[in-house]
Amino acid sequence: MESIKEIYEKLTDEGVTFIDEPHVVAKVGQTETWMTFFHDTEGNTDAFMSEVSV
């Protein structure tokens, strides 16, 4: 399974415009929630989210 960082790098190389880099937005117990935001082809802001057990 690819990580959010790998997806971010792959899509950046393909020309997707991200607003920020993947970053932790929450920590609950042993789980971190990561997000990164980007613009779609119509200018909408979307996000990828990933939960990681640490």
PDB file of N, CA and C in Angstrom:
ATOM      1  N   MET A   1       0.848  -1.186   0.000  1.00  0.00           N
ATOM      2  CA  MET A   1       0.000   0.000   0.000  1.00  0.00           C
ATOM      3  C   MET A   1       0.890   1.245   0.000  1.00  0.00           C
ATOM      4  N   GLU A   2       0.527   2.206  -0.819  1.00  0.00           N
ATOM      5  CA  GLU A   2       1.290   3.437  -0.885  1.00  0.00           C
ATOM      6  C   GLU A   2       0.901   4.365   0.258  1.00  0.00           C
ATOM      7  N   SER A   3       1.880   5.119   0.742  1.00  0.00           N
ATOM      8  CA  SER A   3       1.607   6.085   1.800  1.00  0.00           C
ATOM      9  C   SER A   3       1.127   7.390   1.185  1.00  0.00           C
ATOM     10  N   ILE A   4       0.566   8.248   2.014  1.00  0.00           N
ATOM     11  CA  ILE A   4       0.095   9.552   1.538  1.00  0.00           C
ATOM     12  C   ILE A   4       1.263  10.357   0.967  1.00  0.00           C
ATOM     13  N   LYS A   5       2.462  10.175   1.526  1.00  0.00           N
ATOM     14  CA  LYS A   5       3.633  10.893   1.010  1.00  0.00           C
ATOM     15  C   LYS A   5       4.002  10.400  -0.384  1.00  0.00           C
ATOM     16  N   GLU A   6       3.894   9.096  -0.618  1.00  0.00           N
ATOM     17  CA  GLU A   6       4.186   8.547  -1.943  1.00  0.00           C
ATOM     18  C   GLU A   6       3.176   9.022  -2.977  1.00  0.00           C
ATOM     19  N   ILE A   7       1.903   9.027  -2.604  1.00  0.00           N
ATOM     20  CA  ILE A   7       0.852   9.518  -3.506  1.00  0.00           C
ATOM     21  C   ILE A   7       1.070  10.994  -3.817  1.00  0.00           C
ATOM     22  N   TYR A   8       1.392  11.772  -2.794  1.00  0.00           N
ATOM     23  CA  TYR A   8       1.672  13.196  -2.963  1.00  0.00           C
ATOM     24  C   TYR A   8       2.793  13.406  -3.974  1.00  0.00           C
ATOM     25  N   GLU A   9       3.899  12.679  -3.807  1.00  0.00           N
ATOM     26  CA  GLU A   9       5.041  12.823  -4.712  1.00  0.00           C
ATOM     27  C   GLU A   9       4.673  12.407  -6.138  1.00  0.00           C
ATOM     28  N   LYS A  10       3.957  11.306  -6.281  1.00  0.00           N
ATOM     29  CA  LYS A  10       3.549  10.819  -7.601  1.00  0.00           C
ATOM     30  C   LYS A  10       2.662  11.847  -8.318  1.00  0.00           C
ATOM     31  N   LEU A  11       1.656  12.362  -7.603  1.00  0.00           N
ATOM     32  CA  LEU A  11       0.738  13.316  -8.223  1.00  0.00           C
ATOM     33  C   LEU A  11       1.399  14.672  -8.478  1.00  0.00           C
ATOM     34  N   THR A  12       2.313  15.076  -7.621  1.00  0.00           N
ATOM     35  CA  THR A  12       3.067  16.312  -7.857  1.00  0.00           C
ATOM     36  C   THR A  12       3.860  16.187  -9.151  1.00  0.00           C
ATOM     37  N   ASP A  13       4.500  15.032  -9.348  1.00  0.00           N
ATOM     38  CA  ASP A  13       5.255  14.788 -10.585  1.00  0.00           C
ATOM     39  C   ASP A  13       4.347  14.807 -11.810  1.00  0.00           C
ATOM     40  N   GLU A  14       3.065  14.476 -11.624  1.00  0.00           N
ATOM     41  CA  GLU A  14       2.107  14.459 -12.729  1.00  0.00           C
ATOM     42  C   GLU A  14       1.416  15.805 -12.934  1.00  0.00           C
ATOM     43  N   GLY A  15       1.797  16.818 -12.133  1.00  0.00           N
ATOM     44  CA  GLY A  15       1.295  18.167 -12.352  1.00  0.00           C
ATOM     45  C   GLY A  15       0.159  18.614 -11.458  1.00  0.00           C
ATOM     46  N   VAL A  16      -0.223  17.805 -10.464  1.00  0.00           N
ATOM     47  CA  VAL A  16      -1.277  18.226  -9.531  1.00  0.00           C
ATOM     48  C   VAL A  16      -0.734  19.350  -8.656  1.00  0.00           C
ATOM     49  N   THR A  17      -1.539  20.397  -8.462  1.00  0.00           N
ATOM     50  CA  THR A  17      -1.138  21.531  -7.633  1.00  0.00           C
ATOM     51  C   THR A  17      -1.650  21.329  -6.215  1.00  0.00           C
ATOM     52  N   PHE A  18      -0.729  21.089  -5.297  1.00  0.00           N
ATOM     53  CA  PHE A  18      -1.085  20.924  -3.887  1.00  0.00           C
ATOM     54  C   PHE A  18      -0.952  22.255  -3.161  1.00  0.00           C
ATOM     55  N   ILE A  19      -1.797  22.461  -2.175  1.00  0.00           N
ATOM     56  CA  ILE A  19      -1.769  23.674  -1.358  1.00  0.00           C
ATOM     57  C   ILE A  19      -0.702  23.547  -0.273  1.00  0.00           C
ATOM     58  N   ASP A  20      -0.486  22.309   0.192  1.00  0.00           N
ATOM     59  CA  ASP A  20       0.492  22.067   1.247  1.00  0.00           C
ATOM     60  C   ASP A  20       1.046  20.655   1.096  1.00  0.00           C
ATOM     61  N   GLU A  21       2.006  20.312   1.937  1.00  0.00           N
ATOM     62  CA  GLU A  21       2.553  18.962   1.947  1.00  0.00           C
ATOM     63  C   GLU A  21       1.764  18.123   2.955  1.00  0.00           C
ATOM     64  N   PRO A  22       1.834  16.795   2.833  1.00  0.00           N
ATOM     65  CA  PRO A  22       1.153  15.950   3.828  1.00  0.00           C
ATOM     66  C   PRO A  22       1.649  16.292   5.242  1.00  0.00           C
ATOM     67  N   HIS A  23       0.702  16.401   6.166  1.00  0.00           N
ATOM     68  CA  HIS A  23       1.049  16.762   7.534  1.00  0.00           C
ATOM     69  C   HIS A  23       0.048  16.140   8.512  1.00  0.00           C
ATOM     70  N   VAL A  24       0.471  15.998   9.760  1.00  0.00           N
ATOM     71  CA  VAL A  24      -0.384  15.439  10.806  1.00  0.00           C
ATOM     72  C   VAL A  24      -1.399  16.492  11.234  1.00  0.00           C
ATOM     73  N   VAL A  25      -2.687  16.097  11.264  1.00  0.00           N
ATOM     74  CA  VAL A  25      -3.731  17.008  11.718  1.00  0.00           C
ATOM     75  C   VAL A  25      -4.329  16.567  13.050  1.00  0.00           C
ATOM     76  N   ALA A  26      -4.069  15.304  13.430  1.00  0.00           N
ATOM     77  CA  ALA A  26      -4.601  14.814  14.712  1.00  0.00           C
ATOM     78  C   ALA A  26      -3.824  13.579  15.148  1.00  0.00           C
ATOM     79  N   LYS A  27      -3.707  13.443  16.467  1.00  0.00           N
ATOM     80  CA  LYS A  27      -3.136  12.240  17.071  1.00  0.00           C
ATOM     81  C   LYS A  27      -4.111  11.761  18.130  1.00  0.00           C
ATOM     82  N   VAL A  28      -4.567  10.516  17.993  1.00  0.00           N
ATOM     83  CA  VAL A  28      -5.486   9.928  18.963  1.00  0.00           C
ATOM     84  C   VAL A  28      -4.925   8.566  19.339  1.00  0.00           C
ATOM     85  N   GLY A  29      -4.481   8.447  20.562  1.00  0.00           N
ATOM     86  CA  GLY A  29      -3.877   7.193  20.982  1.00  0.00           C
ATOM     87  C   GLY A  29      -2.665   6.885  20.126  1.00  0.00           C
ATOM     88  N   GLN A  30      -2.683   5.713  19.501  1.00  0.00           N
ATOM     89  CA  GLN A  30      -1.578   5.283  18.645  1.00  0.00           C
ATOM     90  C   GLN A  30      -1.838   5.544  17.169  1.00  0.00           C
ATOM     91  N   THR A  31      -2.780   6.439  16.845  1.00  0.00           N
ATOM     92  CA  THR A  31      -3.136   6.717  15.453  1.00  0.00           C
ATOM     93  C   THR A  31      -2.895   8.187  15.117  1.00  0.00           C
ATOM     94  N   GLU A  32      -2.198   8.408  13.999  1.00  0.00           N
ATOM     95  CA  GLU A  32      -2.017   9.759  13.467  1.00  0.00           C
ATOM     96  C   GLU A  32      -2.890   9.903  12.225  1.00  0.00           C
ATOM     97  N   THR A  33      -3.543  11.046  12.089  1.00  0.00           N
ATOM     98  CA  THR A  33      -4.307  11.357  10.890  1.00  0.00           C
ATOM     99  C   THR A  33      -3.527  12.383  10.093  1.00  0.00           C
ATOM    100  N   TRP A  34      -3.209  12.029   8.851  1.00  0.00           N
ATOM    101  CA  TRP A  34      -2.452  12.881   7.942  1.00  0.00           C
ATOM    102  C   TRP A  34      -3.383  13.413   6.859  1.00  0.00           C
ATOM    103  N   MET A  35      -3.138  14.661   6.406  1.00  0.00           N
ATOM    104  CA  MET A  35      -3.922  15.234   5.311  1.00  0.00           C
ATOM    105  C   MET A  35      -3.023  16.085   4.420  1.00  0.00           C
ATOM    106  N   THR A  36      -3.453  16.231   3.187  1.00  0.00           N
ATOM    107  CA  THR A  36      -2.868  17.185   2.252  1.00  0.00           C
ATOM    108  C   THR A  36      -3.987  17.692   1.355  1.00  0.00           C
ATOM    109  N   PHE A  37      -3.948  18.959   1.014  1.00  0.00           N
ATOM    110  CA  PHE A  37      -5.006  19.607   0.248  1.00  0.00           C
ATOM    111  C   PHE A  37      -4.498  19.978  -1.144  1.00  0.00           C
ATOM    112  N   PHE A  38      -5.405  19.921  -2.128  1.00  0.00           N
ATOM    113  CA  PHE A  38      -5.039  20.233  -3.500  1.00  0.00           C
ATOM    114  C   PHE A  38      -6.232  20.836  -4.234  1.00  0.00           C
ATOM    115  N   HIS A  39      -5.958  21.411  -5.399  1.00  0.00           N
ATOM    116  CA  HIS A  39      -7.014  21.961  -6.252  1.00  0.00           C
ATOM    117  C   HIS A  39      -7.310  20.984  -7.376  1.00  0.00           C
ATOM    118  N   ASP A  40      -8.599  20.745  -7.643  1.00  0.00           N
ATOM    119  CA  ASP A  40      -8.957  19.900  -8.782  1.00  0.00           C
ATOM    120  C   ASP A  40      -8.999  20.754 -10.048  1.00  0.00           C
ATOM    121  N   THR A  41      -9.376  20.148 -11.166  1.00  0.00           N
ATOM    122  CA  THR A  41      -9.341  20.847 -12.452  1.00  0.00           C
ATOM    123  C   THR A  41     -10.358  21.984 -12.557  1.00  0.00           C
ATOM    124  N   GLU A  42     -11.333  22.026 -11.640  1.00  0.00           N
ATOM    125  CA  GLU A  42     -12.329  23.095 -11.640  1.00  0.00           C
ATOM    126  C   GLU A  42     -12.061  24.150 -10.568  1.00  0.00           C
ATOM    127  N   GLY A  43     -10.906  24.047  -9.898  1.00  0.00           N
ATOM    128  CA  GLY A  43     -10.534  25.027  -8.889  1.00  0.00           C
ATOM    129  C   GLY A  43     -11.065  24.742  -7.497  1.00  0.00           C
ATOM    130  N   ASN A  44     -11.737  23.606  -7.313  1.00  0.00           N
ATOM    131  CA  ASN A  44     -12.234  23.239  -5.985  1.00  0.00           C
ATOM    132  C   ASN A  44     -11.087  22.740  -5.115  1.00  0.00           C
ATOM    133  N   THR A  45     -11.201  22.949  -3.824  1.00  0.00           N
ATOM    134  CA  THR A  45     -10.216  22.425  -2.891  1.00  0.00           C
ATOM    135  C   THR A  45     -10.680  21.055  -2.407  1.00  0.00           C
ATOM    136  N   ASP A  46      -9.811  20.065  -2.569  1.00  0.00           N
ATOM    137  CA  ASP A  46     -10.064  18.695  -2.121  1.00  0.00           C
ATOM    138  C   ASP A  46      -8.924  18.263  -1.218  1.00  0.00           C
ATOM    139  N   ALA A  47      -9.067  17.092  -0.600  1.00  0.00           N
ATOM    140  CA  ALA A  47      -8.020  16.615   0.304  1.00  0.00           C
ATOM    141  C   ALA A  47      -7.882  15.107   0.226  1.00  0.00           C
ATOM    142  N   PHE A  48      -6.674  14.650   0.525  1.00  0.00           N
ATOM    143  CA  PHE A  48      -6.415  13.244   0.785  1.00  0.00           C
ATOM    144  C   PHE A  48      -6.204  13.117   2.280  1.00  0.00           C
ATOM    145  N   MET A  49      -6.675  12.015   2.847  1.00  0.00           N
ATOM    146  CA  MET A  49      -6.506  11.751   4.264  1.00  0.00           C
ATOM    147  C   MET A  49      -5.990  10.333   4.439  1.00  0.00           C
ATOM    148  N   SER A  50      -5.146  10.126   5.438  1.00  0.00           N
ATOM    149  CA  SER A  50      -4.625   8.804   5.738  1.00  0.00           C
ATOM    150  C   SER A  50      -4.455   8.667   7.247  1.00  0.00           C
ATOM    151  N   GLU A  51      -4.831   7.515   7.770  1.00  0.00           N
ATOM    152  CA  GLU A  51      -4.609   7.231   9.190  1.00  0.00           C
ATOM    153  C   GLU A  51      -3.487   6.206   9.300  1.00  0.00           C
ATOM    154  N   VAL A  52      -2.538   6.472  10.225  1.00  0.00           N
ATOM    155  CA  VAL A  52      -1.366   5.637  10.378  1.00  0.00           C
ATOM    156  C   VAL A  52      -1.245   5.240  11.851  1.00  0.00           C
ATOM    157  N   SER A  53      -1.071   3.959  12.095  1.00  0.00           N
ATOM    158  CA  SER A  53      -0.806   3.485  13.459  1.00  0.00           C
ATOM    159  C   SER A  53       0.682   3.652  13.732  1.00  0.00           C
ATOM    160  N   VAL A  54       0.987   4.266  14.868  1.00  0.00           N
ATOM    161  CA  VAL A  54       2.392   4.485  15.221  1.00  0.00           C
ATOM    162  C   VAL A  54       2.786   3.699  16.440  1.00  0.00           C
TER     163      VAL A  54
END
